[in-house]
């Protein structure tokens, strides 16, 4: 192992007092990560999805609360039907927003110099 360190110093022409680390890879990674912050669209989609799911849970609570105050099952059914429909709708909207954000992040996976990889291949689909 020590021999390998000596070879690195000889190859780079650096001594113990000089740095032989190439920081260009780190800088490229930093720039790619900083670029993702600028793409706030996918972050907004994720926030929208989580908000939709939280609203769906709140609707479940309201449905339970409204139906539990009715003494007869016939009076509870409208609460259960409308609350279930709204909850399913909010859950589907949240899932759609979440998947749209995930697909957007897959599109950002490219370096910019080369095209982004094909999403089905990233997900384990067949190779062309």
C-alpha atoms as a PDB file:
ATOM      1  CA  UNK A   1       0.000   0.000   0.000  1.00  0.00           C
ATOM      2  CA  UNK A   2       2.834   2.396   0.829  1.00  0.00           C
ATOM      3  CA  UNK A   3       4.452   1.620  -2.482  1.00  0.00           C
ATOM      4  CA  UNK A   4       1.261   2.645  -4.269  1.00  0.00           C
ATOM      5  CA  UNK A   5       1.306   6.043  -2.517  1.00  0.00           C
ATOM      6  CA  UNK A   6       4.902   6.593  -3.564  1.00  0.00           C
ATOM      7  CA  UNK A   7       4.018   5.739  -7.158  1.00  0.00           C
ATOM      8  CA  UNK A   8       1.219   8.321  -7.092  1.00  0.00           C
ATOM      9  CA  UNK A   9       3.627  11.019  -5.911  1.00  0.00           C
ATOM     10  CA  UNK A  10       6.101  10.096  -8.616  1.00  0.00           C
ATOM     11  CA  UNK A  11       3.472  10.034 -11.371  1.00  0.00           C
ATOM     12  CA  UNK A  12       1.938  13.369 -10.442  1.00  0.00           C
ATOM     13  CA  UNK A  13       5.212  15.067  -9.735  1.00  0.00           C
ATOM     14  CA  UNK A  14       3.931  16.139  -6.338  1.00  0.00           C
ATOM     15  CA  UNK A  15       5.735  15.768  -3.087  1.00  0.00           C
ATOM     16  CA  UNK A  16       4.435  15.285   0.414  1.00  0.00           C
ATOM     17  CA  UNK A  17       3.770  19.013   0.719  1.00  0.00           C
ATOM     18  CA  UNK A  18       1.780  19.288  -2.537  1.00  0.00           C
ATOM     19  CA  UNK A  19      -1.695  18.051  -3.336  1.00  0.00           C
ATOM     20  CA  UNK A  20      -2.018  15.395  -5.998  1.00  0.00           C
ATOM     21  CA  UNK A  21      -5.821  15.267  -5.904  1.00  0.00           C
ATOM     22  CA  UNK A  22      -7.672  16.080  -9.099  1.00  0.00           C
ATOM     23  CA  UNK A  23     -10.707  18.147  -8.062  1.00  0.00           C
ATOM     24  CA  UNK A  24     -12.318  18.418 -11.496  1.00  0.00           C
ATOM     25  CA  UNK A  25     -14.595  15.432 -10.850  1.00  0.00           C
ATOM     26  CA  UNK A  26     -15.766  16.963  -7.596  1.00  0.00           C
ATOM     27  CA  UNK A  27     -16.384  20.311  -9.276  1.00  0.00           C
ATOM     28  CA  UNK A  28     -18.428  18.630 -12.017  1.00  0.00           C
ATOM     29  CA  UNK A  29     -20.497  16.794  -9.411  1.00  0.00           C
ATOM     30  CA  UNK A  30     -21.008  20.045  -7.476  1.00  0.00           C
ATOM     31  CA  UNK A  31     -22.215  21.825 -10.603  1.00  0.00           C
ATOM     32  CA  UNK A  32     -24.636  19.017 -11.490  1.00  0.00           C
ATOM     33  CA  UNK A  33     -26.071  19.016  -7.961  1.00  0.00           C
ATOM     34  CA  UNK A  34     -26.368  22.814  -7.985  1.00  0.00           C
ATOM     35  CA  UNK A  35     -28.196  22.594 -11.302  1.00  0.00           C
ATOM     36  CA  UNK A  36     -30.808  20.341  -9.737  1.00  0.00           C
ATOM     37  CA  UNK A  37     -31.613  23.013  -7.185  1.00  0.00           C
ATOM     38  CA  UNK A  38     -32.347  25.412 -10.011  1.00  0.00           C
ATOM     39  CA  UNK A  39     -34.829  22.923 -11.468  1.00  0.00           C
ATOM     40  CA  UNK A  40     -37.493  23.602  -8.877  1.00  0.00           C
ATOM     41  CA  UNK A  41     -40.237  22.113 -11.043  1.00  0.00           C
ATOM     42  CA  UNK A  42     -39.596  18.576  -9.849  1.00  0.00           C
ATOM     43  CA  UNK A  43     -39.398  19.770  -6.234  1.00  0.00           C
ATOM     44  CA  UNK A  44     -42.725  21.576  -6.638  1.00  0.00           C
ATOM     45  CA  UNK A  45     -44.293  18.408  -8.043  1.00  0.00           C
ATOM     46  CA  UNK A  46     -43.094  16.402  -5.059  1.00  0.00           C
ATOM     47  CA  UNK A  47     -44.410  19.016  -2.633  1.00  0.00           C
ATOM     48  CA  UNK A  48     -47.737  19.004  -4.499  1.00  0.00           C
ATOM     49  CA  UNK A  49     -47.922  15.210  -4.263  1.00  0.00           C
ATOM     50  CA  UNK A  50     -47.272  15.158  -0.528  1.00  0.00           C
ATOM     51  CA  UNK A  51     -49.792  17.969   0.002  1.00  0.00           C
ATOM     52  CA  UNK A  52     -52.390  16.039  -1.959  1.00  0.00           C
ATOM     53  CA  UNK A  53     -51.803  12.936   0.156  1.00  0.00           C
ATOM     54  CA  UNK A  54     -52.055  14.924   3.391  1.00  0.00           C
ATOM     55  CA  UNK A  55     -55.338  16.411   2.171  1.00  0.00           C
ATOM     56  CA  UNK A  56     -56.559  12.897   1.370  1.00  0.00           C
ATOM     57  CA  UNK A  57     -55.852  11.850   4.959  1.00  0.00           C
ATOM     58  CA  UNK A  58     -57.716  14.918   6.206  1.00  0.00           C
ATOM     59  CA  UNK A  59     -60.709  13.998   4.024  1.00  0.00           C
ATOM     60  CA  UNK A  60     -60.662  10.490   5.527  1.00  0.00           C
ATOM     61  CA  UNK A  61     -60.838  12.103   8.974  1.00  0.00           C
ATOM     62  CA  UNK A  62     -63.698  14.390   7.928  1.00  0.00           C
ATOM     63  CA  UNK A  63     -65.554  11.463   6.381  1.00  0.00           C
ATOM     64  CA  UNK A  64     -65.139   9.365   9.510  1.00  0.00           C
ATOM     65  CA  UNK A  65     -66.186  12.243  11.721  1.00  0.00           C
ATOM     66  CA  UNK A  66     -69.251  13.071   9.596  1.00  0.00           C
ATOM     67  CA  UNK A  67     -70.403   9.491   9.280  1.00  0.00           C
ATOM     68  CA  UNK A  68     -69.905   8.713  12.957  1.00  0.00           C
ATOM     69  CA  UNK A  69     -72.327  11.470  13.979  1.00  0.00           C
ATOM     70  CA  UNK A  70     -75.200   9.842  12.042  1.00  0.00           C
ATOM     71  CA  UNK A  71     -77.139   7.188  13.939  1.00  0.00           C
ATOM     72  CA  UNK A  72     -78.416   5.272  10.891  1.00  0.00           C
ATOM     73  CA  UNK A  73     -76.398   3.546   8.189  1.00  0.00           C
ATOM     74  CA  UNK A  74     -78.584   5.104   5.492  1.00  0.00           C
ATOM     75  CA  UNK A  75     -77.459   8.538   6.671  1.00  0.00           C
ATOM     76  CA  UNK A  76     -73.795   7.490   6.780  1.00  0.00           C
ATOM     77  CA  UNK A  77     -73.639   6.193   3.186  1.00  0.00           C
ATOM     78  CA  UNK A  78     -73.480   9.629   1.467  1.00  0.00           C
ATOM     79  CA  UNK A  79     -70.510  10.594   3.651  1.00  0.00           C
ATOM     80  CA  UNK A  80     -68.702   7.355   2.881  1.00  0.00           C
ATOM     81  CA  UNK A  81     -69.315   7.557  -0.861  1.00  0.00           C
ATOM     82  CA  UNK A  82     -68.355  11.205  -1.290  1.00  0.00           C
ATOM     83  CA  UNK A  83     -65.420  10.988   1.129  1.00  0.00           C
ATOM     84  CA  UNK A  84     -64.131   7.828  -0.521  1.00  0.00           C
ATOM     85  CA  UNK A  85     -64.416   9.380  -3.973  1.00  0.00           C
ATOM     86  CA  UNK A  86     -62.583  12.570  -2.951  1.00  0.00           C
ATOM     87  CA  UNK A  87     -59.902  10.561  -1.135  1.00  0.00           C
ATOM     88  CA  UNK A  88     -59.327   8.329  -4.166  1.00  0.00           C
ATOM     89  CA  UNK A  89     -59.173  11.376  -6.418  1.00  0.00           C
ATOM     90  CA  UNK A  90     -56.639  13.181  -4.204  1.00  0.00           C
ATOM     91  CA  UNK A  91     -54.530  10.022  -3.928  1.00  0.00           C
ATOM     92  CA  UNK A  92     -54.512   9.598  -7.719  1.00  0.00           C
ATOM     93  CA  UNK A  93     -53.567  13.258  -8.218  1.00  0.00           C
ATOM     94  CA  UNK A  94     -50.746  12.889  -5.685  1.00  0.00           C
ATOM     95  CA  UNK A  95     -49.454   9.740  -7.381  1.00  0.00           C
ATOM     96  CA  UNK A  96     -49.546  11.452 -10.779  1.00  0.00           C
ATOM     97  CA  UNK A  97     -47.638  14.453  -9.481  1.00  0.00           C
ATOM     98  CA  UNK A  98     -45.084  12.219  -7.773  1.00  0.00           C
ATOM     99  CA  UNK A  99     -44.503  10.155 -10.925  1.00  0.00           C
ATOM    100  CA  UNK A 100     -44.225  13.316 -13.040  1.00  0.00           C
ATOM    101  CA  UNK A 101     -41.524  14.577 -10.681  1.00  0.00           C
ATOM    102  CA  UNK A 102     -39.722  11.230 -10.795  1.00  0.00           C
ATOM    103  CA  UNK A 103     -39.764  11.175 -14.585  1.00  0.00           C
ATOM    104  CA  UNK A 104     -38.494  14.753 -14.571  1.00  0.00           C
ATOM    105  CA  UNK A 105     -35.585  13.698 -12.363  1.00  0.00           C
ATOM    106  CA  UNK A 106     -34.816  10.850 -14.771  1.00  0.00           C
ATOM    107  CA  UNK A 107     -34.633  13.398 -17.571  1.00  0.00           C
ATOM    108  CA  UNK A 108     -32.139  15.425 -15.536  1.00  0.00           C
ATOM    109  CA  UNK A 109     -29.873  12.393 -15.153  1.00  0.00           C
ATOM    110  CA  UNK A 110     -27.848  13.333 -18.248  1.00  0.00           C
ATOM    111  CA  UNK A 111     -24.675  15.372 -17.930  1.00  0.00           C
ATOM    112  CA  UNK A 112     -25.753  17.874 -20.530  1.00  0.00           C
ATOM    113  CA  UNK A 113     -23.064  16.798 -22.995  1.00  0.00           C
ATOM    114  CA  UNK A 114     -24.779  13.542 -23.803  1.00  0.00           C
ATOM    115  CA  UNK A 115     -28.490  12.784 -24.018  1.00  0.00           C
ATOM    116  CA  UNK A 116     -30.234  11.480 -20.930  1.00  0.00           C
ATOM    117  CA  UNK A 117     -30.580   7.708 -20.672  1.00  0.00           C
ATOM    118  CA  UNK A 118     -33.769   6.072 -21.838  1.00  0.00           C
ATOM    119  CA  UNK A 119     -36.135   5.826 -18.810  1.00  0.00           C
ATOM    120  CA  UNK A 120     -37.285   2.232 -19.523  1.00  0.00           C
ATOM    121  CA  UNK A 121     -33.658   1.099 -19.512  1.00  0.00           C
ATOM    122  CA  UNK A 122     -33.073   2.834 -16.175  1.00  0.00           C
ATOM    123  CA  UNK A 123     -36.064   1.010 -14.725  1.00  0.00           C
ATOM    124  CA  UNK A 124     -34.795  -2.386 -15.838  1.00  0.00           C
ATOM    125  CA  UNK A 125     -36.633  -2.676 -19.147  1.00  0.00           C
ATOM    126  CA  UNK A 126     -35.311  -4.497 -22.195  1.00  0.00           C
ATOM    127  CA  UNK A 127     -32.335  -3.091 -24.035  1.00  0.00           C
ATOM    128  CA  UNK A 128     -32.913  -2.050 -27.667  1.00  0.00           C
END
